[in-house]
N, C-alpha and C. Protein backbone atom coordinates (compact mmCIF):
# COMPACT_ATOMS: atom_id res chain seq x y z
N MET A 1 25.50 7.66 -30.92
CA MET A 1 24.53 6.70 -31.34
C MET A 1 23.82 6.08 -30.14
N GLY A 2 24.50 6.06 -28.97
CA GLY A 2 23.91 5.43 -27.79
C GLY A 2 22.94 6.33 -27.04
N SER A 3 23.04 7.63 -27.18
CA SER A 3 22.15 8.53 -26.45
C SER A 3 21.24 9.27 -27.42
N PHE A 4 20.09 9.68 -26.89
CA PHE A 4 19.13 10.40 -27.71
C PHE A 4 19.37 11.90 -27.56
N SER A 5 19.13 12.62 -28.63
CA SER A 5 19.24 14.07 -28.57
C SER A 5 17.92 14.65 -28.08
N ILE A 6 17.89 15.95 -27.89
CA ILE A 6 16.69 16.62 -27.40
C ILE A 6 15.55 16.47 -28.40
N TRP A 7 15.87 16.40 -29.69
CA TRP A 7 14.83 16.26 -30.72
C TRP A 7 14.15 14.90 -30.64
N HIS A 8 14.91 13.88 -30.34
CA HIS A 8 14.30 12.55 -30.17
C HIS A 8 13.31 12.57 -29.00
N TRP A 9 13.70 13.17 -27.89
CA TRP A 9 12.82 13.20 -26.71
C TRP A 9 11.59 14.06 -26.96
N LEU A 10 11.72 15.15 -27.71
CA LEU A 10 10.56 15.98 -28.04
C LEU A 10 9.56 15.23 -28.93
N ILE A 11 10.08 14.45 -29.87
CA ILE A 11 9.19 13.66 -30.73
C ILE A 11 8.48 12.58 -29.91
N VAL A 12 9.19 11.93 -29.02
CA VAL A 12 8.57 10.92 -28.15
C VAL A 12 7.50 11.57 -27.27
N LEU A 13 7.78 12.74 -26.72
CA LEU A 13 6.80 13.46 -25.90
C LEU A 13 5.57 13.84 -26.71
N LEU A 14 5.76 14.29 -27.94
CA LEU A 14 4.65 14.65 -28.81
C LEU A 14 3.77 13.43 -29.12
N VAL A 15 4.40 12.30 -29.38
CA VAL A 15 3.63 11.07 -29.66
C VAL A 15 2.85 10.63 -28.43
N VAL A 16 3.45 10.71 -27.26
CA VAL A 16 2.76 10.33 -26.03
C VAL A 16 1.57 11.25 -25.78
N ILE A 17 1.74 12.54 -26.00
CA ILE A 17 0.64 13.49 -25.82
C ILE A 17 -0.48 13.21 -26.82
N LEU A 18 -0.12 12.88 -28.05
CA LEU A 18 -1.14 12.57 -29.05
C LEU A 18 -1.90 11.28 -28.71
N ILE A 19 -1.22 10.31 -28.15
CA ILE A 19 -1.87 9.03 -27.82
C ILE A 19 -2.76 9.18 -26.59
N PHE A 20 -2.23 9.71 -25.51
CA PHE A 20 -2.96 9.74 -24.24
C PHE A 20 -3.78 11.01 -24.04
N GLY A 21 -3.39 12.11 -24.59
CA GLY A 21 -4.08 13.37 -24.37
C GLY A 21 -3.58 14.06 -23.12
N THR A 22 -3.73 15.37 -23.08
CA THR A 22 -3.17 16.13 -21.97
C THR A 22 -3.95 15.93 -20.67
N LYS A 23 -5.27 15.73 -20.77
CA LYS A 23 -6.07 15.56 -19.55
C LYS A 23 -5.68 14.27 -18.82
N LYS A 24 -5.52 13.19 -19.57
CA LYS A 24 -5.16 11.91 -18.95
C LYS A 24 -3.75 11.99 -18.37
N LEU A 25 -2.84 12.64 -19.06
CA LEU A 25 -1.47 12.78 -18.55
C LEU A 25 -1.46 13.63 -17.29
N THR A 26 -2.30 14.67 -17.23
CA THR A 26 -2.40 15.49 -16.02
C THR A 26 -2.91 14.67 -14.85
N ASN A 27 -3.94 13.86 -15.09
CA ASN A 27 -4.47 13.01 -14.03
C ASN A 27 -3.45 11.99 -13.55
N ILE A 28 -2.70 11.42 -14.49
CA ILE A 28 -1.67 10.45 -14.11
C ILE A 28 -0.60 11.14 -13.27
N GLY A 29 -0.22 12.35 -13.66
CA GLY A 29 0.79 13.10 -12.89
C GLY A 29 0.31 13.43 -11.50
N LYS A 30 -0.96 13.84 -11.37
CA LYS A 30 -1.51 14.15 -10.04
C LYS A 30 -1.57 12.90 -9.17
N ASP A 31 -2.00 11.79 -9.74
CA ASP A 31 -2.06 10.54 -8.98
C ASP A 31 -0.67 10.09 -8.53
N LEU A 32 0.29 10.20 -9.42
CA LEU A 32 1.65 9.79 -9.08
C LEU A 32 2.24 10.71 -8.01
N GLY A 33 1.99 12.01 -8.12
CA GLY A 33 2.47 12.95 -7.11
C GLY A 33 1.83 12.71 -5.76
N GLY A 34 0.53 12.41 -5.75
CA GLY A 34 -0.16 12.10 -4.49
C GLY A 34 0.37 10.83 -3.86
N ALA A 35 0.68 9.84 -4.70
CA ALA A 35 1.22 8.58 -4.17
C ALA A 35 2.60 8.80 -3.56
N VAL A 36 3.43 9.58 -4.22
CA VAL A 36 4.78 9.86 -3.70
C VAL A 36 4.68 10.65 -2.39
N LYS A 37 3.77 11.63 -2.34
CA LYS A 37 3.60 12.41 -1.11
C LYS A 37 3.10 11.54 0.03
N GLY A 38 2.14 10.67 -0.25
CA GLY A 38 1.64 9.75 0.77
C GLY A 38 2.72 8.81 1.26
N PHE A 39 3.56 8.33 0.35
CA PHE A 39 4.66 7.45 0.74
C PHE A 39 5.65 8.18 1.64
N LYS A 40 5.99 9.41 1.27
CA LYS A 40 6.93 10.18 2.09
C LYS A 40 6.35 10.47 3.47
N ASP A 41 5.06 10.82 3.53
CA ASP A 41 4.42 11.07 4.83
C ASP A 41 4.40 9.80 5.67
N GLY A 42 4.13 8.67 5.03
CA GLY A 42 4.12 7.41 5.75
C GLY A 42 5.49 7.04 6.29
N MET A 43 6.52 7.30 5.50
CA MET A 43 7.88 7.00 5.95
C MET A 43 8.28 7.94 7.09
N LYS A 44 7.84 9.19 7.01
CA LYS A 44 8.18 10.15 8.06
C LYS A 44 7.47 9.79 9.35
N ASP A 45 6.21 9.38 9.26
CA ASP A 45 5.45 9.03 10.46
C ASP A 45 5.93 7.74 11.09
N GLY A 46 6.44 6.81 10.29
CA GLY A 46 6.83 5.51 10.82
C GLY A 46 8.26 5.40 11.26
N THR A 47 9.06 6.45 11.16
CA THR A 47 10.47 6.31 11.47
C THR A 47 10.77 6.36 12.96
N ALA A 48 10.11 7.23 13.71
CA ALA A 48 10.44 7.39 15.12
C ALA A 48 9.16 7.40 15.98
N PRO A 49 8.70 6.23 16.38
CA PRO A 49 7.52 6.22 17.25
C PRO A 49 7.86 6.77 18.63
N ASP A 50 6.91 7.49 19.23
CA ASP A 50 7.14 8.09 20.53
C ASP A 50 7.28 7.05 21.63
N GLU A 51 6.41 6.07 21.63
CA GLU A 51 6.50 5.00 22.62
C GLU A 51 6.25 3.69 21.91
N PRO A 52 6.91 2.64 22.36
CA PRO A 52 6.72 1.36 21.68
C PRO A 52 5.30 0.83 21.89
N ALA A 53 4.82 0.16 20.89
CA ALA A 53 3.46 -0.38 20.96
C ALA A 53 3.43 -1.55 21.93
N ALA A 54 2.35 -1.63 22.71
CA ALA A 54 2.20 -2.73 23.66
C ALA A 54 1.91 -4.01 22.90
N PRO A 55 2.49 -5.12 23.32
CA PRO A 55 2.20 -6.39 22.63
C PRO A 55 0.75 -6.78 22.85
N PRO A 56 0.15 -7.48 21.91
CA PRO A 56 -1.25 -7.89 22.09
C PRO A 56 -1.40 -8.83 23.27
N GLN A 57 -2.55 -8.75 23.89
CA GLN A 57 -2.81 -9.60 25.05
C GLN A 57 -2.94 -11.06 24.61
N GLN A 58 -2.37 -11.93 25.40
CA GLN A 58 -2.41 -13.35 25.08
C GLN A 58 -3.73 -13.94 25.57
N VAL A 59 -4.31 -14.78 24.75
CA VAL A 59 -5.58 -15.42 25.09
C VAL A 59 -5.27 -16.60 26.01
N THR A 60 -5.98 -16.65 27.11
CA THR A 60 -5.78 -17.76 28.05
C THR A 60 -6.93 -18.74 27.93
N ALA A 61 -6.73 -19.93 28.41
CA ALA A 61 -7.73 -21.00 28.30
C ALA A 61 -8.54 -21.13 29.58
N ASN A 62 -9.09 -20.05 30.10
CA ASN A 62 -9.89 -20.13 31.32
C ASN A 62 -11.39 -20.09 31.00
N ARG A 63 -11.78 -20.38 29.77
CA ARG A 63 -13.19 -20.43 29.40
C ARG A 63 -13.63 -21.88 29.20
N VAL A 64 -13.24 -22.76 30.05
CA VAL A 64 -13.51 -24.18 29.87
C VAL A 64 -15.00 -24.47 29.98
N ASN A 65 -15.71 -23.84 30.89
CA ASN A 65 -17.12 -24.14 31.11
C ASN A 65 -18.05 -23.20 30.36
N ASP A 66 -17.55 -22.43 29.43
CA ASP A 66 -18.39 -21.53 28.66
C ASP A 66 -19.19 -22.35 27.64
N PRO A 67 -20.53 -22.23 27.62
CA PRO A 67 -21.32 -23.05 26.69
C PRO A 67 -21.12 -22.65 25.22
N ASN A 68 -20.59 -21.48 24.96
CA ASN A 68 -20.38 -21.05 23.57
C ASN A 68 -19.04 -21.51 23.01
N THR A 69 -18.18 -22.07 23.86
CA THR A 69 -16.87 -22.52 23.42
C THR A 69 -16.96 -23.98 22.96
N VAL A 70 -16.42 -24.25 21.79
CA VAL A 70 -16.43 -25.61 21.26
C VAL A 70 -14.98 -26.06 21.12
N ASP A 71 -14.67 -27.19 21.72
CA ASP A 71 -13.34 -27.77 21.59
C ASP A 71 -13.35 -28.63 20.33
N VAL A 72 -12.60 -28.24 19.34
CA VAL A 72 -12.65 -28.90 18.04
C VAL A 72 -12.15 -30.32 18.14
N ASP A 73 -11.14 -30.57 18.94
CA ASP A 73 -10.60 -31.93 19.06
C ASP A 73 -11.58 -32.86 19.74
N ALA A 74 -12.37 -32.37 20.68
CA ALA A 74 -13.28 -33.23 21.44
C ALA A 74 -14.61 -33.45 20.70
N LYS A 75 -14.93 -32.61 19.76
CA LYS A 75 -16.20 -32.73 19.05
C LYS A 75 -16.10 -33.83 18.00
N THR A 76 -17.02 -34.80 18.10
CA THR A 76 -17.03 -35.89 17.13
C THR A 76 -18.36 -35.87 16.39
N LYS A 77 -18.31 -36.34 15.18
CA LYS A 77 -19.51 -36.36 14.36
C LYS A 77 -20.23 -37.69 14.61
N SER A 78 -21.50 -37.64 14.99
CA SER A 78 -22.23 -38.86 15.26
C SER A 78 -23.29 -39.10 14.21
């Protein structure tokens, strides 16, 4: 009573095919397969990098006299 027989699964499959149609089910299968393949490729590419990535360069405050730089704390509304 707890498990379905093969006939139950065939009836469910027939109902799904009648509702969605074979073309839509084929497209869903292709999209799902492409997503799984892309995920596997991404996991394979990201597991062992050849060299560690360089940390981003830190921004320094040596642009004090640049006319395009605005100090938000010093700017007051008049």
